[in-house]
C-alpha atoms as a PDB file:
ATOM      1  CA  UNK A   1       4.084 -25.776  26.318  1.00  0.00           C
ATOM      2  CA  UNK A   2       7.499 -27.418  26.338  1.00  0.00           C
ATOM      3  CA  UNK A   3       7.897 -26.926  29.872  1.00  0.00           C
ATOM      4  CA  UNK A   4       4.732 -28.677  30.822  1.00  0.00           C
ATOM      5  CA  UNK A   5       5.497 -31.554  28.711  1.00  0.00           C
ATOM      6  CA  UNK A   6       9.041 -31.594  30.176  1.00  0.00           C
ATOM      7  CA  UNK A   7       7.481 -31.783  33.739  1.00  0.00           C
ATOM      8  CA  UNK A   8       5.243 -34.794  32.420  1.00  0.00           C
ATOM      9  CA  UNK A   9       7.978 -36.696  30.898  1.00  0.00           C
ATOM     10  CA  UNK A  10      10.401 -36.054  33.903  1.00  0.00           C
ATOM     11  CA  UNK A  11       7.784 -37.223  36.496  1.00  0.00           C
ATOM     12  CA  UNK A  12       7.058 -40.185  34.368  1.00  0.00           C
ATOM     13  CA  UNK A  13      10.624 -41.131  34.234  1.00  0.00           C
ATOM     14  CA  UNK A  14      11.058 -40.496  37.994  1.00  0.00           C
ATOM     15  CA  UNK A  15       8.022 -42.689  38.851  1.00  0.00           C
ATOM     16  CA  UNK A  16       9.250 -45.464  36.492  1.00  0.00           C
ATOM     17  CA  UNK A  17      12.875 -45.588  37.516  1.00  0.00           C
ATOM     18  CA  UNK A  18      12.369 -44.905  41.418  1.00  0.00           C
ATOM     19  CA  UNK A  19       9.248 -46.968  41.919  1.00  0.00           C
ATOM     20  CA  UNK A  20      10.663 -49.552  39.489  1.00  0.00           C
ATOM     21  CA  UNK A  21      13.556 -50.050  41.803  1.00  0.00           C
ATOM     22  CA  UNK A  22      11.138 -51.063  44.524  1.00  0.00           C
ATOM     23  CA  UNK A  23       9.136 -53.324  42.410  1.00  0.00           C
ATOM     24  CA  UNK A  24      11.922 -54.952  40.413  1.00  0.00           C
ATOM     25  CA  UNK A  25      15.369 -54.644  41.978  1.00  0.00           C
ATOM     26  CA  UNK A  26      16.440 -57.726  43.798  1.00  0.00           C
ATOM     27  CA  UNK A  27      13.741 -59.753  42.215  1.00  0.00           C
ATOM     28  CA  UNK A  28      15.475 -61.204  39.231  1.00  0.00           C
ATOM     29  CA  UNK A  29      14.485 -64.751  38.067  1.00  0.00           C
ATOM     30  CA  UNK A  30      16.008 -67.411  40.115  1.00  0.00           C
ATOM     31  CA  UNK A  31      16.400 -65.319  43.365  1.00  0.00           C
ATOM     32  CA  UNK A  32      14.674 -65.212  46.622  1.00  0.00           C
ATOM     33  CA  UNK A  33      15.052 -61.489  47.487  1.00  0.00           C
ATOM     34  CA  UNK A  34      11.947 -59.705  48.382  1.00  0.00           C
ATOM     35  CA  UNK A  35      12.806 -56.323  46.943  1.00  0.00           C
ATOM     36  CA  UNK A  36      15.489 -53.630  46.843  1.00  0.00           C
ATOM     37  CA  UNK A  37      17.030 -52.289  50.190  1.00  0.00           C
ATOM     38  CA  UNK A  38      16.451 -48.803  51.389  1.00  0.00           C
ATOM     39  CA  UNK A  39      19.781 -47.537  50.006  1.00  0.00           C
ATOM     40  CA  UNK A  40      19.146 -48.938  46.552  1.00  0.00           C
ATOM     41  CA  UNK A  41      15.683 -47.292  46.510  1.00  0.00           C
ATOM     42  CA  UNK A  42      17.195 -43.955  47.718  1.00  0.00           C
ATOM     43  CA  UNK A  43      19.785 -44.011  45.093  1.00  0.00           C
ATOM     44  CA  UNK A  44      17.309 -44.836  42.456  1.00  0.00           C
ATOM     45  CA  UNK A  45      15.225 -41.822  43.177  1.00  0.00           C
ATOM     46  CA  UNK A  46      18.064 -39.606  43.862  1.00  0.00           C
ATOM     47  CA  UNK A  47      19.970 -40.413  40.802  1.00  0.00           C
ATOM     48  CA  UNK A  48      16.974 -40.009  38.720  1.00  0.00           C
ATOM     49  CA  UNK A  49      16.519 -36.500  40.009  1.00  0.00           C
ATOM     50  CA  UNK A  50      20.257 -35.516  39.256  1.00  0.00           C
ATOM     51  CA  UNK A  51      19.930 -36.973  35.611  1.00  0.00           C
ATOM     52  CA  UNK A  52      16.572 -35.250  35.011  1.00  0.00           C
ATOM     53  CA  UNK A  53      17.629 -32.028  36.503  1.00  0.00           C
ATOM     54  CA  UNK A  54      20.465 -31.777  33.882  1.00  0.00           C
ATOM     55  CA  UNK A  55      18.089 -32.771  31.061  1.00  0.00           C
ATOM     56  CA  UNK A  56      14.892 -30.657  31.807  1.00  0.00           C
ATOM     57  CA  UNK A  57      16.395 -28.086  34.259  1.00  0.00           C
ATOM     58  CA  UNK A  58      16.969 -25.538  31.505  1.00  0.00           C
ATOM     59  CA  UNK A  59      13.514 -25.991  30.002  1.00  0.00           C
ATOM     60  CA  UNK A  60      11.262 -26.095  33.059  1.00  0.00           C
ATOM     61  CA  UNK A  61      13.378 -26.137  36.194  1.00  0.00           C
ATOM     62  CA  UNK A  62      12.700 -29.769  36.473  1.00  0.00           C
ATOM     63  CA  UNK A  63      10.364 -29.636  39.523  1.00  0.00           C
ATOM     64  CA  UNK A  64       8.788 -33.038  38.669  1.00  0.00           C
ATOM     65  CA  UNK A  65       6.983 -32.717  42.261  1.00  0.00           C
ATOM     66  CA  UNK A  66       4.009 -30.654  43.118  1.00  0.00           C
ATOM     67  CA  UNK A  67       5.486 -29.758  46.441  1.00  0.00           C
ATOM     68  CA  UNK A  68       8.414 -28.259  44.777  1.00  0.00           C
ATOM     69  CA  UNK A  69       6.125 -26.343  42.452  1.00  0.00           C
ATOM     70  CA  UNK A  70       4.290 -25.158  45.333  1.00  0.00           C
ATOM     71  CA  UNK A  71       7.273 -24.008  47.094  1.00  0.00           C
ATOM     72  CA  UNK A  72       8.472 -22.135  44.083  1.00  0.00           C
ATOM     73  CA  UNK A  73       5.031 -20.546  43.522  1.00  0.00           C
ATOM     74  CA  UNK A  74       4.923 -19.496  47.331  1.00  0.00           C
ATOM     75  CA  UNK A  75       8.356 -18.059  47.092  1.00  0.00           C
ATOM     76  CA  UNK A  76       7.371 -15.784  44.102  1.00  0.00           C
ATOM     77  CA  UNK A  77       9.418 -17.463  41.498  1.00  0.00           C
ATOM     78  CA  UNK A  78       6.401 -18.296  39.104  1.00  0.00           C
ATOM     79  CA  UNK A  79       2.746 -17.354  38.473  1.00  0.00           C
ATOM     80  CA  UNK A  80      -0.239 -19.260  39.653  1.00  0.00           C
ATOM     81  CA  UNK A  81      -1.291 -20.471  36.115  1.00  0.00           C
ATOM     82  CA  UNK A  82       2.132 -22.179  35.440  1.00  0.00           C
ATOM     83  CA  UNK A  83       2.202 -23.685  38.942  1.00  0.00           C
ATOM     84  CA  UNK A  84      -1.272 -25.218  38.398  1.00  0.00           C
ATOM     85  CA  UNK A  85      -0.315 -26.582  34.968  1.00  0.00           C
ATOM     86  CA  UNK A  86       2.914 -27.900  36.289  1.00  0.00           C
ATOM     87  CA  UNK A  87       1.041 -29.887  38.981  1.00  0.00           C
ATOM     88  CA  UNK A  88      -1.452 -31.221  36.456  1.00  0.00           C
ATOM     89  CA  UNK A  89       1.145 -32.377  34.099  1.00  0.00           C
ATOM     90  CA  UNK A  90       3.336 -33.828  36.902  1.00  0.00           C
ATOM     91  CA  UNK A  91       0.316 -35.963  37.967  1.00  0.00           C
ATOM     92  CA  UNK A  92      -0.213 -37.091  34.409  1.00  0.00           C
ATOM     93  CA  UNK A  93       3.343 -38.155  34.171  1.00  0.00           C
ATOM     94  CA  UNK A  94       3.169 -39.936  37.347  1.00  0.00           C
ATOM     95  CA  UNK A  95       0.252 -41.840  36.168  1.00  0.00           C
ATOM     96  CA  UNK A  96       1.987 -42.615  32.767  1.00  0.00           C
ATOM     97  CA  UNK A  97       5.044 -43.808  34.682  1.00  0.00           C
ATOM     98  CA  UNK A  98       2.779 -46.097  36.849  1.00  0.00           C
ATOM     99  CA  UNK A  99       0.943 -47.359  33.790  1.00  0.00           C
ATOM    100  CA  UNK A 100       4.123 -48.625  32.466  1.00  0.00           C
ATOM    101  CA  UNK A 101       5.157 -50.240  35.603  1.00  0.00           C
ATOM    102  CA  UNK A 102       1.634 -51.910  35.711  1.00  0.00           C
ATOM    103  CA  UNK A 103       2.212 -53.332  32.333  1.00  0.00           C
ATOM    104  CA  UNK A 104       5.744 -54.664  33.369  1.00  0.00           C
ATOM    105  CA  UNK A 105       4.249 -56.140  36.459  1.00  0.00           C
ATOM    106  CA  UNK A 106       1.542 -57.687  34.540  1.00  0.00           C
ATOM    107  CA  UNK A 107       3.813 -59.509  32.293  1.00  0.00           C
ATOM    108  CA  UNK A 108       6.449 -60.970  34.583  1.00  0.00           C
ATOM    109  CA  UNK A 109       8.037 -61.535  38.185  1.00  0.00           C
ATOM    110  CA  UNK A 110       7.750 -58.538  40.522  1.00  0.00           C
ATOM    111  CA  UNK A 111       7.530 -57.438  44.083  1.00  0.00           C
ATOM    112  CA  UNK A 112       4.011 -55.783  43.628  1.00  0.00           C
ATOM    113  CA  UNK A 113       2.917 -52.243  43.248  1.00  0.00           C
ATOM    114  CA  UNK A 114       1.725 -52.255  46.875  1.00  0.00           C
ATOM    115  CA  UNK A 115       5.365 -51.494  47.828  1.00  0.00           C
ATOM    116  CA  UNK A 116       5.542 -48.742  45.175  1.00  0.00           C
ATOM    117  CA  UNK A 117       2.623 -46.909  46.548  1.00  0.00           C
ATOM    118  CA  UNK A 118       4.406 -45.894  49.613  1.00  0.00           C
ATOM    119  CA  UNK A 119       1.704 -46.438  52.063  1.00  0.00           C
ATOM    120  CA  UNK A 120      -0.268 -49.227  53.887  1.00  0.00           C
ATOM    121  CA  UNK A 121       0.602 -48.802  57.430  1.00  0.00           C
ATOM    122  CA  UNK A 122      -1.910 -49.060  60.398  1.00  0.00           C
ATOM    123  CA  UNK A 123      -4.095 -46.480  61.617  1.00  0.00           C
ATOM    124  CA  UNK A 124      -2.089 -45.882  64.699  1.00  0.00           C
ATOM    125  CA  UNK A 125       0.917 -45.073  62.533  1.00  0.00           C
ATOM    126  CA  UNK A 126      -0.953 -42.193  60.637  1.00  0.00           C
ATOM    127  CA  UNK A 127       0.269 -39.263  62.695  1.00  0.00           C
ATOM    128  CA  UNK A 128       3.748 -40.501  62.601  1.00  0.00           C
ATOM    129  CA  UNK A 129       3.580 -40.846  58.857  1.00  0.00           C
ATOM    130  CA  UNK A 130       2.071 -37.421  58.546  1.00  0.00           C
ATOM    131  CA  UNK A 131       4.721 -35.860  60.521  1.00  0.00           C
ATOM    132  CA  UNK A 132       7.566 -37.785  58.651  1.00  0.00           C
ATOM    133  CA  UNK A 133       6.093 -36.860  55.171  1.00  0.00           C
ATOM    134  CA  UNK A 134       5.671 -33.196  56.215  1.00  0.00           C
ATOM    135  CA  UNK A 135       9.170 -32.750  57.882  1.00  0.00           C
ATOM    136  CA  UNK A 136      11.133 -34.508  55.177  1.00  0.00           C
ATOM    137  CA  UNK A 137       9.330 -32.775  52.324  1.00  0.00           C
ATOM    138  CA  UNK A 138      10.102 -29.489  54.046  1.00  0.00           C
ATOM    139  CA  UNK A 139      13.788 -30.298  54.071  1.00  0.00           C
ATOM    140  CA  UNK A 140      13.728 -31.337  50.528  1.00  0.00           C
ATOM    141  CA  UNK A 141      11.853 -28.233  49.336  1.00  0.00           C
ATOM    142  CA  UNK A 142      14.144 -25.910  51.479  1.00  0.00           C
ATOM    143  CA  UNK A 143      17.157 -27.423  49.968  1.00  0.00           C
ATOM    144  CA  UNK A 144      15.837 -27.233  46.451  1.00  0.00           C
ATOM    145  CA  UNK A 145      14.849 -23.581  46.854  1.00  0.00           C
ATOM    146  CA  UNK A 146      18.304 -22.675  48.255  1.00  0.00           C
ATOM    147  CA  UNK A 147      20.195 -24.761  45.745  1.00  0.00           C
ATOM    148  CA  UNK A 148      18.199 -23.015  42.742  1.00  0.00           C
ATOM    149  CA  UNK A 149      18.356 -19.461  44.173  1.00  0.00           C
ATOM    150  CA  UNK A 150      19.807 -17.109  41.499  1.00  0.00           C
ATOM    151  CA  UNK A 151      22.043 -15.321  43.966  1.00  0.00           C
ATOM    152  CA  UNK A 152      22.559 -17.621  46.691  1.00  0.00           C
ATOM    153  CA  UNK A 153      22.242 -21.067  44.967  1.00  0.00           C
ATOM    154  CA  UNK A 154      24.515 -23.851  43.868  1.00  0.00           C
ATOM    155  CA  UNK A 155      24.473 -22.701  40.204  1.00  0.00           C
ATOM    156  CA  UNK A 156      25.170 -25.719  37.890  1.00  0.00           C
ATOM    157  CA  UNK A 157      25.741 -27.969  40.956  1.00  0.00           C
ATOM    158  CA  UNK A 158      21.991 -27.587  42.011  1.00  0.00           C
ATOM    159  CA  UNK A 159      20.859 -30.767  40.331  1.00  0.00           C
ATOM    160  CA  UNK A 160      23.475 -32.899  42.141  1.00  0.00           C
ATOM    161  CA  UNK A 161      22.590 -31.160  45.510  1.00  0.00           C
ATOM    162  CA  UNK A 162      18.904 -31.718  45.149  1.00  0.00           C
ATOM    163  CA  UNK A 163      19.442 -35.305  43.994  1.00  0.00           C
ATOM    164  CA  UNK A 164      21.719 -36.219  46.876  1.00  0.00           C
ATOM    165  CA  UNK A 165      19.301 -34.579  49.268  1.00  0.00           C
ATOM    166  CA  UNK A 166      16.532 -36.770  48.072  1.00  0.00           C
ATOM    167  CA  UNK A 167      18.676 -39.892  48.701  1.00  0.00           C
ATOM    168  CA  UNK A 168      19.217 -38.672  52.351  1.00  0.00           C
ATOM    169  CA  UNK A 169      15.535 -38.202  52.711  1.00  0.00           C
ATOM    170  CA  UNK A 170      14.615 -41.663  51.304  1.00  0.00           C
ATOM    171  CA  UNK A 171      17.273 -43.394  53.455  1.00  0.00           C
ATOM    172  CA  UNK A 172      15.835 -41.981  56.694  1.00  0.00           C
ATOM    173  CA  UNK A 173      12.031 -41.843  55.629  1.00  0.00           C
ATOM    174  CA  UNK A 174      11.738 -45.244  53.933  1.00  0.00           C
ATOM    175  CA  UNK A 175      11.344 -47.288  57.366  1.00  0.00           C
ATOM    176  CA  UNK A 176       8.629 -44.888  58.400  1.00  0.00           C
ATOM    177  CA  UNK A 177       6.292 -44.354  55.282  1.00  0.00           C
ATOM    178  CA  UNK A 178       8.053 -45.826  52.335  1.00  0.00           C
ATOM    179  CA  UNK A 179       8.761 -42.294  51.395  1.00  0.00           C
ATOM    180  CA  UNK A 180       6.828 -40.052  49.084  1.00  0.00           C
ATOM    181  CA  UNK A 181       7.626 -36.362  49.693  1.00  0.00           C
ATOM    182  CA  UNK A 182       6.077 -35.947  46.199  1.00  0.00           C
ATOM    183  CA  UNK A 183       2.267 -36.308  45.512  1.00  0.00           C
ATOM    184  CA  UNK A 184       2.752 -37.095  41.831  1.00  0.00           C
ATOM    185  CA  UNK A 185       4.999 -39.859  42.896  1.00  0.00           C
ATOM    186  CA  UNK A 186       2.226 -41.452  44.990  1.00  0.00           C
ATOM    187  CA  UNK A 187      -0.898 -40.887  43.108  1.00  0.00           C
ATOM    188  CA  UNK A 188      -0.126 -43.010  39.978  1.00  0.00           C
ATOM    189  CA  UNK A 189       1.035 -46.232  41.892  1.00  0.00           C
ATOM    190  CA  UNK A 190      -1.912 -45.827  44.376  1.00  0.00           C
ATOM    191  CA  UNK A 191      -4.517 -45.616  41.426  1.00  0.00           C
ATOM    192  CA  UNK A 192      -3.279 -48.798  39.848  1.00  0.00           C
ATOM    193  CA  UNK A 193      -2.874 -50.561  43.073  1.00  0.00           C
ATOM    194  CA  UNK A 194      -6.224 -49.633  44.704  1.00  0.00           C
ATOM    195  CA  UNK A 195      -7.510 -50.893  48.000  1.00  0.00           C
ATOM    196  CA  UNK A 196      -6.050 -49.321  51.256  1.00  0.00           C
ATOM    197  CA  UNK A 197      -3.611 -47.268  49.172  1.00  0.00           C
ATOM    198  CA  UNK A 198      -6.345 -45.273  47.959  1.00  0.00           C
ATOM    199  CA  UNK A 199      -7.861 -44.616  51.267  1.00  0.00           C
ATOM    200  CA  UNK A 200      -4.578 -43.406  52.595  1.00  0.00           C
ATOM    201  CA  UNK A 201      -3.566 -41.460  49.421  1.00  0.00           C
ATOM    202  CA  UNK A 202      -4.842 -38.220  50.999  1.00  0.00           C
ATOM    203  CA  UNK A 203      -1.788 -38.280  53.505  1.00  0.00           C
ATOM    204  CA  UNK A 204       0.780 -38.437  50.689  1.00  0.00           C
ATOM    205  CA  UNK A 205      -0.920 -35.340  48.868  1.00  0.00           C
ATOM    206  CA  UNK A 206      -1.665 -33.173  51.982  1.00  0.00           C
ATOM    207  CA  UNK A 207       1.546 -33.736  54.009  1.00  0.00           C
ATOM    208  CA  UNK A 208       4.030 -33.101  51.215  1.00  0.00           C
ATOM    209  CA  UNK A 209       2.170 -29.908  50.126  1.00  0.00           C
ATOM    210  CA  UNK A 210       2.211 -28.803  53.763  1.00  0.00           C
ATOM    211  CA  UNK A 211       5.885 -29.585  53.905  1.00  0.00           C
ATOM    212  CA  UNK A 212       6.427 -27.750  50.631  1.00  0.00           C
ATOM    213  CA  UNK A 213       4.549 -24.698  51.969  1.00  0.00           C
ATOM    214  CA  UNK A 214       6.466 -24.501  55.103  1.00  0.00           C
ATOM    215  CA  UNK A 215       9.816 -24.829  53.166  1.00  0.00           C
ATOM    216  CA  UNK A 216       8.882 -21.916  51.007  1.00  0.00           C
ATOM    217  CA  UNK A 217       7.927 -19.676  54.020  1.00  0.00           C
ATOM    218  CA  UNK A 218      11.092 -20.547  55.705  1.00  0.00           C
ATOM    219  CA  UNK A 219      13.330 -19.934  52.766  1.00  0.00           C
ATOM    220  CA  UNK A 220      11.546 -16.751  51.941  1.00  0.00           C
ATOM    221  CA  UNK A 221      12.166 -15.430  55.643  1.00  0.00           C
ATOM    222  CA  UNK A 222      15.768 -16.486  55.818  1.00  0.00           C
ATOM    223  CA  UNK A 223      16.812 -15.320  52.304  1.00  0.00           C
ATOM    224  CA  UNK A 224      14.964 -12.039  52.901  1.00  0.00           C
ATOM    225  CA  UNK A 225      16.855 -11.358  56.154  1.00  0.00           C
ATOM    226  CA  UNK A 226      20.165 -12.376  54.553  1.00  0.00           C
ATOM    227  CA  UNK A 227      19.872  -9.458  52.064  1.00  0.00           C
ATOM    228  CA  UNK A 228      19.772  -6.923  54.790  1.00  0.00           C
END
């Protein structure tokens, strides 16, 4: 049970700190800024993953992302029951983190949860968004699987590698979709924001999971061939 609770707490912290940077950073009283820049948001998410990896990595592996969990499951590193429970607790954690943000937003100045929901683009941009979320999740999951591989991975540096990769992904993808690459990171904010964010939420679930699946397949193929 500890590993499921770790995934829940870890995802809650990721959503609270990462999405919190979107909502609050640069919106201090007396300023006219409209929010944090892409680099600030990218660093917030990436540094969160680095920190959490070294806290929860030894307990649950610190997936804190259903796409990562799907990749780990498809690569044969965990069973179906664990994978399903990981995803459930990750989503719960994302909702809890969003609930804390909602309370904070309701009691002071903010940029709004719409920005944190990582969607809200026009219908003509849906294909571009789907491709971006799929491709960048693929990259993220591929790196995560490679960095945590017992034989070929980065060992104790895996958390740093994964976190910095997330920074890179966010820097490139923020202008396109706001960046999710993590269904649990998008579900919570969307539920609290409502409106168009709910109608577009499917993309931020399906695309990252698709990217995670492809990442797992590619890693399984290349790691298998490297053993020969």
